[in-house]
């Protein structure tokens, strides 16, 4: 019984820890190869078109994308993920021809699909991979030569040769008997010559650990699902609201709202404010559907139902939201 309790406790602890880890998938819509830099640290060694980064333990990161093609340059983004889930983002060009980061979907890690063979999978790390910058080699050689001289023992000649390479010694001894008398006057003289080449080994530099990312709180007290990374500032939203309000025709207002949301993110309260500028119920419903995937605090999206007069609109929006989950 005691063992069963311990095993159950360990299982719960493991599940809790695992739930706090997240994955993120980054890919480029048109297949351009890129390198991902998260919080200033390179994650993939070679440029790829599709990267899965595992082991993330925070909700917000700074992401820099460096394209392999110098003509495309690099781009900085704010990256938001949900703990315990695998979030997918696409990097694509907007109507202005600029690269933007778009949230696509998220799923519990336990339900995430298997890795694609074309997908590079890396474990998130806060320090770059350390590699030696120089090599070292030391060589010492001893050479034996023979010169003429007097030898008291013309019948025997002894020769010794020693070789030492990188501290690994070796020697060869040769003893020759019965030499000709004419060679009896040969004597062995050893000349030593040592050549040493040394290159200092420079150990890989390990930079100071990068501090964990600071979590930015955009909506105090909100702990629900996040639908997009960084919501629009109050100043930008005021400008948008004023621009929409200045237009007369419903269709023009709707077009402007959609254009802005192509690469922007709203709060639920901002979605409601824009919706109330539309006169027709159907336009409000169409905008509420369009804005759902571009809303930060999607856990509060039920509040958007306040903009509708008819229950049928509320039901249709709820059905749409269910289809997006």
Protein backbone atom coordinates (compact mmCIF):
# COMPACT_ATOMS: atom_id res chain seq x y z
CA UNK A 1 0.00 0.00 0.00
CA UNK A 2 2.85 2.35 0.90
CA UNK A 3 4.57 1.68 -2.43
CA UNK A 4 1.35 2.35 -4.30
CA UNK A 5 0.94 5.74 -2.59
CA UNK A 6 4.53 6.71 -3.43
CA UNK A 7 4.10 5.69 -7.06
CA UNK A 8 0.89 7.67 -7.32
CA UNK A 9 2.55 10.72 -5.81
CA UNK A 10 5.49 10.51 -8.23
CA UNK A 11 3.12 10.13 -11.17
CA UNK A 12 1.23 13.24 -10.14
CA UNK A 13 4.47 15.20 -9.72
CA UNK A 14 5.68 14.10 -13.14
CA UNK A 15 2.41 15.08 -14.75
CA UNK A 16 2.53 18.49 -13.06
CA UNK A 17 6.08 19.18 -14.25
CA UNK A 18 5.31 17.94 -17.76
CA UNK A 19 2.26 20.18 -17.93
CA UNK A 20 4.49 23.23 -17.46
CA UNK A 21 6.67 22.41 -20.48
CA UNK A 22 5.65 23.60 -23.92
CA UNK A 23 6.64 23.23 -27.56
CA UNK A 24 6.47 25.70 -30.42
CA UNK A 25 6.51 25.01 -34.17
CA UNK A 26 7.77 27.74 -36.49
CA UNK A 27 7.57 27.51 -40.27
CA UNK A 28 7.66 29.86 -43.24
CA UNK A 29 4.66 29.84 -45.55
CA UNK A 30 6.68 29.92 -48.79
CA UNK A 31 9.49 27.65 -47.61
CA UNK A 32 12.28 30.18 -47.02
CA UNK A 33 15.04 28.77 -44.80
CA UNK A 34 15.72 30.57 -41.53
CA UNK A 35 17.49 30.43 -38.16
CA UNK A 36 15.56 31.00 -34.92
CA UNK A 37 17.10 33.12 -32.15
CA UNK A 38 15.14 32.98 -28.87
CA UNK A 39 16.06 35.44 -26.11
CA UNK A 40 19.34 36.08 -27.92
CA UNK A 41 20.40 32.42 -28.22
CA UNK A 42 20.62 30.56 -31.55
CA UNK A 43 18.46 27.42 -31.45
CA UNK A 44 19.21 25.65 -34.77
CA UNK A 45 22.72 25.33 -36.19
CA UNK A 46 21.65 25.21 -39.85
CA UNK A 47 18.85 27.22 -41.52
CA UNK A 48 15.60 25.25 -41.80
CA UNK A 49 12.09 25.80 -43.18
CA UNK A 50 10.26 24.10 -40.29
CA UNK A 51 11.52 23.97 -36.68
CA UNK A 52 10.01 22.46 -33.54
CA UNK A 53 11.50 23.79 -30.29
CA UNK A 54 10.71 21.69 -27.21
CA UNK A 55 11.21 22.19 -23.48
CA UNK A 56 9.97 25.79 -23.24
CA UNK A 57 8.89 26.74 -19.72
CA UNK A 58 7.70 30.35 -20.01
CA UNK A 59 4.78 32.01 -21.76
CA UNK A 60 6.60 34.86 -23.50
CA UNK A 61 9.87 35.03 -25.43
CA UNK A 62 11.69 37.36 -27.77
CA UNK A 63 12.11 35.72 -31.19
CA UNK A 64 14.45 36.83 -33.98
CA UNK A 65 14.20 35.14 -37.36
CA UNK A 66 17.30 35.38 -39.58
CA UNK A 67 16.63 34.28 -43.14
CA UNK A 68 19.29 32.36 -45.04
CA UNK A 69 18.86 34.68 -48.00
CA UNK A 70 20.49 38.01 -47.19
CA UNK A 71 17.93 39.78 -49.36
CA UNK A 72 15.20 38.83 -46.85
CA UNK A 73 17.19 40.05 -43.84
CA UNK A 74 15.91 39.39 -40.33
CA UNK A 75 12.77 40.11 -38.29
CA UNK A 76 11.99 40.46 -34.56
CA UNK A 77 8.77 39.14 -33.01
CA UNK A 78 7.11 38.68 -29.63
CA UNK A 79 6.38 34.97 -29.15
CA UNK A 80 3.58 33.82 -26.83
CA UNK A 81 2.89 30.17 -26.04
CA UNK A 82 0.57 28.22 -23.75
CA UNK A 83 2.19 26.12 -21.04
CA UNK A 84 1.60 22.41 -21.49
CA UNK A 85 0.71 22.82 -25.15
CA UNK A 86 2.32 22.71 -28.57
CA UNK A 87 1.70 26.02 -30.36
CA UNK A 88 2.12 26.49 -34.10
CA UNK A 89 3.06 29.77 -35.77
CA UNK A 90 3.47 30.62 -39.46
CA UNK A 91 5.86 33.29 -40.72
CA UNK A 92 4.34 34.94 -43.79
CA UNK A 93 4.20 38.21 -45.69
CA UNK A 94 1.31 40.60 -45.12
CA UNK A 95 -0.29 42.88 -47.67
CA UNK A 96 2.59 45.31 -47.30
CA UNK A 97 5.14 42.64 -48.17
CA UNK A 98 6.49 42.52 -44.61
CA UNK A 99 7.08 39.29 -42.70
CA UNK A 100 4.67 38.78 -39.79
CA UNK A 101 4.24 36.03 -37.19
CA UNK A 102 0.75 34.52 -37.15
CA UNK A 103 -0.64 32.18 -34.50
CA UNK A 104 -2.29 29.14 -36.11
CA UNK A 105 -3.22 26.62 -33.44
CA UNK A 106 -2.32 24.94 -30.17
CA UNK A 107 -2.86 21.43 -28.84
CA UNK A 108 -2.03 19.60 -25.63
CA UNK A 109 1.45 18.08 -25.91
CA UNK A 110 0.02 14.62 -25.19
CA UNK A 111 -2.24 15.01 -28.24
CA UNK A 112 0.35 16.60 -30.53
CA UNK A 113 1.06 14.79 -33.83
CA UNK A 114 4.33 12.98 -34.43
CA UNK A 115 7.33 14.90 -35.73
CA UNK A 116 7.50 15.29 -39.49
CA UNK A 117 10.64 13.91 -41.22
CA UNK A 118 11.12 17.34 -42.82
CA UNK A 119 10.96 19.04 -39.43
CA UNK A 120 14.05 19.99 -37.40
CA UNK A 121 13.46 19.27 -33.70
CA UNK A 122 15.65 21.00 -31.11
CA UNK A 123 15.51 21.23 -27.33
CA UNK A 124 15.34 24.82 -26.10
CA UNK A 125 18.64 25.94 -24.58
CA UNK A 126 19.79 29.22 -23.03
CA UNK A 127 23.50 28.83 -23.82
CA UNK A 128 25.07 28.40 -27.27
CA UNK A 129 26.81 25.12 -28.04
CA UNK A 130 30.48 25.38 -27.01
CA UNK A 131 33.09 24.27 -29.57
CA UNK A 132 36.93 24.28 -29.36
CA UNK A 133 38.50 27.07 -31.40
CA UNK A 134 42.07 25.73 -31.76
CA UNK A 135 43.96 22.42 -31.73
CA UNK A 136 47.25 21.36 -30.18
CA UNK A 137 50.07 19.09 -31.31
CA UNK A 138 53.55 18.57 -29.92
CA UNK A 139 56.12 16.47 -31.83
CA UNK A 140 59.58 15.51 -30.60
CA UNK A 141 61.94 13.50 -32.84
CA UNK A 142 65.39 12.04 -32.12
CA UNK A 143 67.49 11.05 -35.15
CA UNK A 144 70.53 8.71 -35.08
CA UNK A 145 73.25 8.94 -37.75
CA UNK A 146 76.49 6.98 -38.22
CA UNK A 147 79.93 8.54 -38.81
CA UNK A 148 83.41 7.05 -39.26
CA UNK A 149 85.58 6.59 -36.19
CA UNK A 150 87.48 3.98 -34.17
CA UNK A 151 85.64 1.08 -32.65
CA UNK A 152 87.24 -1.31 -30.24
CA UNK A 153 84.87 -4.06 -31.33
CA UNK A 154 84.81 -4.21 -35.14
CA UNK A 155 82.58 -7.26 -35.14
CA UNK A 156 79.55 -5.68 -33.48
CA UNK A 157 77.62 -2.49 -34.14
CA UNK A 158 74.80 -1.31 -31.86
CA UNK A 159 72.25 1.25 -33.09
CA UNK A 160 69.43 2.80 -31.06
CA UNK A 161 66.61 4.99 -32.36
CA UNK A 162 64.00 6.71 -30.22
CA UNK A 163 60.81 8.48 -31.30
CA UNK A 164 58.51 10.52 -29.06
CA UNK A 165 55.23 11.87 -30.47
CA UNK A 166 52.83 13.73 -28.15
CA UNK A 167 54.32 12.07 -25.09
CA UNK A 168 53.98 8.51 -26.50
CA UNK A 169 57.52 7.14 -26.47
CA UNK A 170 58.92 4.29 -28.57
CA UNK A 171 62.38 2.92 -29.34
CA UNK A 172 64.07 0.47 -31.75
CA UNK A 173 67.36 -1.32 -30.97
CA UNK A 174 69.45 -3.03 -33.68
CA UNK A 175 72.45 -5.26 -32.88
CA UNK A 176 74.44 -6.42 -35.94
CA UNK A 177 77.25 -9.04 -35.57
CA UNK A 178 79.92 -10.24 -38.00
CA UNK A 179 80.51 -7.01 -39.82
CA UNK A 180 83.21 -6.91 -42.48
CA UNK A 181 86.64 -5.91 -41.31
CA UNK A 182 86.47 -2.93 -43.57
CA UNK A 183 83.58 -1.64 -41.57
CA UNK A 184 85.23 -2.34 -38.28
CA UNK A 185 86.35 1.24 -38.06
CA UNK A 186 82.77 2.52 -38.06
CA UNK A 187 81.46 3.93 -34.81
CA UNK A 188 77.98 5.07 -33.85
CA UNK A 189 77.54 8.71 -33.04
CA UNK A 190 74.10 9.98 -32.07
CA UNK A 191 72.93 13.45 -32.99
CA UNK A 192 69.66 14.50 -31.37
CA UNK A 193 67.35 17.00 -33.02
CA UNK A 194 64.04 17.89 -31.43
CA UNK A 195 61.33 19.81 -33.22
CA UNK A 196 58.41 20.96 -31.12
CA UNK A 197 55.28 22.60 -32.48
CA UNK A 198 52.78 23.82 -29.93
CA UNK A 199 49.43 25.45 -30.51
CA UNK A 200 47.54 26.58 -27.46
CA UNK A 201 44.15 24.98 -27.00
CA UNK A 202 41.54 27.58 -26.39
CA UNK A 203 38.75 26.14 -24.35
CA UNK A 204 35.26 26.93 -25.49
CA UNK A 205 33.97 30.05 -23.86
CA UNK A 206 30.83 29.51 -21.87
CA UNK A 207 28.87 32.73 -21.59
CA UNK A 208 27.06 33.73 -18.46
CA UNK A 209 23.62 32.09 -18.17
CA UNK A 210 20.81 34.08 -19.72
CA UNK A 211 18.27 35.06 -17.07
CA UNK A 212 14.77 33.62 -17.52
CA UNK A 213 12.49 35.78 -19.64
CA UNK A 214 10.41 38.38 -17.87
CA UNK A 215 6.74 37.62 -18.19
CA UNK A 216 4.79 40.57 -19.54
CA UNK A 217 1.31 40.96 -18.09
CA UNK A 218 -0.94 42.65 -20.65
CA UNK A 219 -4.20 42.05 -18.79
CA UNK A 220 -3.79 41.96 -14.98
CA UNK A 221 -5.75 39.14 -13.37
CA UNK A 222 -6.31 37.23 -16.62
CA UNK A 223 -5.02 33.63 -16.60
CA UNK A 224 -7.00 32.11 -19.46
CA UNK A 225 -6.13 31.07 -23.00
CA UNK A 226 -4.08 33.50 -25.08
CA UNK A 227 -5.13 33.80 -28.71
CA UNK A 228 -2.40 36.11 -30.05
CA UNK A 229 0.95 37.35 -28.67
CA UNK A 230 0.85 41.10 -28.04
CA UNK A 231 -2.38 43.17 -27.92
CA UNK A 232 -2.69 46.59 -29.52
CA UNK A 233 -1.67 49.56 -27.39
CA UNK A 234 -4.31 51.99 -26.16
CA UNK A 235 -2.91 54.74 -28.40
CA UNK A 236 -3.02 52.61 -31.54
CA UNK A 237 -6.51 51.40 -30.73
CA UNK A 238 -7.75 54.95 -30.22
CA UNK A 239 -6.46 55.86 -33.69
CA UNK A 240 -8.11 52.79 -35.21
CA UNK A 241 -11.42 53.46 -33.50
CA UNK A 242 -11.38 57.08 -34.67
CA UNK A 243 -10.58 56.07 -38.25
CA UNK A 244 -13.45 53.58 -38.38
CA UNK A 245 -15.82 56.10 -36.80
CA UNK A 246 -14.97 58.69 -39.45
CA UNK A 247 -16.28 56.49 -42.25
CA UNK A 248 -19.90 56.59 -43.38
CA UNK A 249 -20.47 53.28 -45.09
CA UNK A 250 -20.72 50.01 -43.16
CA UNK A 251 -18.70 48.09 -45.73
CA UNK A 252 -15.82 50.61 -45.55
CA UNK A 253 -15.71 50.39 -41.76
CA UNK A 254 -15.62 46.61 -41.92
CA UNK A 255 -12.83 46.62 -44.53
CA UNK A 256 -10.66 48.93 -42.43
CA UNK A 257 -11.18 46.82 -39.30
CA UNK A 258 -10.14 43.65 -41.11
CA UNK A 259 -7.09 45.31 -42.69
CA UNK A 260 -5.77 46.41 -39.31
CA UNK A 261 -6.35 43.00 -37.75
CA UNK A 262 -4.26 41.27 -40.42
CA UNK A 263 -1.19 41.84 -38.24
CA UNK A 264 -2.62 43.21 -34.99
CA UNK A 265 -4.12 41.75 -31.82
CA UNK A 266 -7.05 43.04 -29.72
CA UNK A 267 -8.54 42.65 -26.26
CA UNK A 268 -12.14 41.43 -26.00
CA UNK A 269 -13.15 44.88 -24.76
CA UNK A 270 -11.68 46.40 -27.95
CA UNK A 271 -13.50 43.89 -30.13
CA UNK A 272 -16.77 44.97 -28.52
CA UNK A 273 -16.03 48.67 -29.06
CA UNK A 274 -15.34 48.20 -32.76
CA UNK A 275 -18.37 45.92 -33.19
CA UNK A 276 -20.69 48.59 -31.79
CA UNK A 277 -19.69 50.90 -34.64
CA UNK A 278 -21.51 48.61 -37.06
CA UNK A 279 -25.21 49.22 -37.56
CA UNK A 280 -26.23 45.81 -38.87
CA UNK A 281 -26.31 42.67 -36.73
CA UNK A 282 -24.85 40.55 -39.52
CA UNK A 283 -21.82 42.83 -39.84
CA UNK A 284 -21.24 42.62 -36.09
CA UNK A 285 -21.43 38.84 -36.29
CA UNK A 286 -19.02 38.67 -39.24
CA UNK A 287 -16.52 40.89 -37.44
CA UNK A 288 -16.81 38.90 -34.19
CA UNK A 289 -15.94 35.73 -36.13
CA UNK A 290 -13.04 37.39 -37.91
CA UNK A 291 -11.62 38.85 -34.70
CA UNK A 292 -11.73 35.63 -32.66
CA UNK A 293 -8.34 34.32 -33.87
CA UNK A 294 -6.86 37.79 -33.39
CA UNK A 295 -7.91 38.34 -29.79
CA UNK A 296 -5.53 38.16 -26.84
CA UNK A 297 -7.88 37.14 -23.99
CA UNK A 298 -10.00 34.63 -25.92
CA UNK A 299 -11.05 33.10 -22.61
CA UNK A 300 -13.22 36.20 -22.18
CA UNK A 301 -14.80 35.96 -25.61
CA UNK A 302 -18.21 35.09 -24.18
CA UNK A 303 -18.50 38.80 -23.33
CA UNK A 304 -18.76 39.59 -27.05
CA UNK A 305 -22.29 38.15 -26.96
CA UNK A 306 -23.39 41.45 -25.42
CA UNK A 307 -23.20 43.15 -28.83
CA UNK A 308 -26.01 41.03 -30.30
CA UNK A 309 -29.73 41.68 -30.27
CA UNK A 310 -30.81 38.23 -31.46
CA UNK A 311 -30.08 34.90 -29.79
CA UNK A 312 -29.48 33.32 -33.18
CA UNK A 313 -26.37 35.49 -33.59
CA UNK A 314 -25.04 34.34 -30.21
CA UNK A 315 -25.62 30.70 -31.13
CA UNK A 316 -23.93 31.11 -34.52
CA UNK A 317 -20.86 32.74 -32.94
CA UNK A 318 -20.63 29.98 -30.34
CA UNK A 319 -20.81 27.33 -33.06
CA UNK A 320 -18.04 29.11 -34.94
CA UNK A 321 -15.83 29.24 -31.84
CA UNK A 322 -16.41 25.53 -31.18
CA UNK A 323 -15.25 24.76 -34.72
CA UNK A 324 -12.01 26.67 -34.10
CA UNK A 325 -11.03 24.72 -30.98
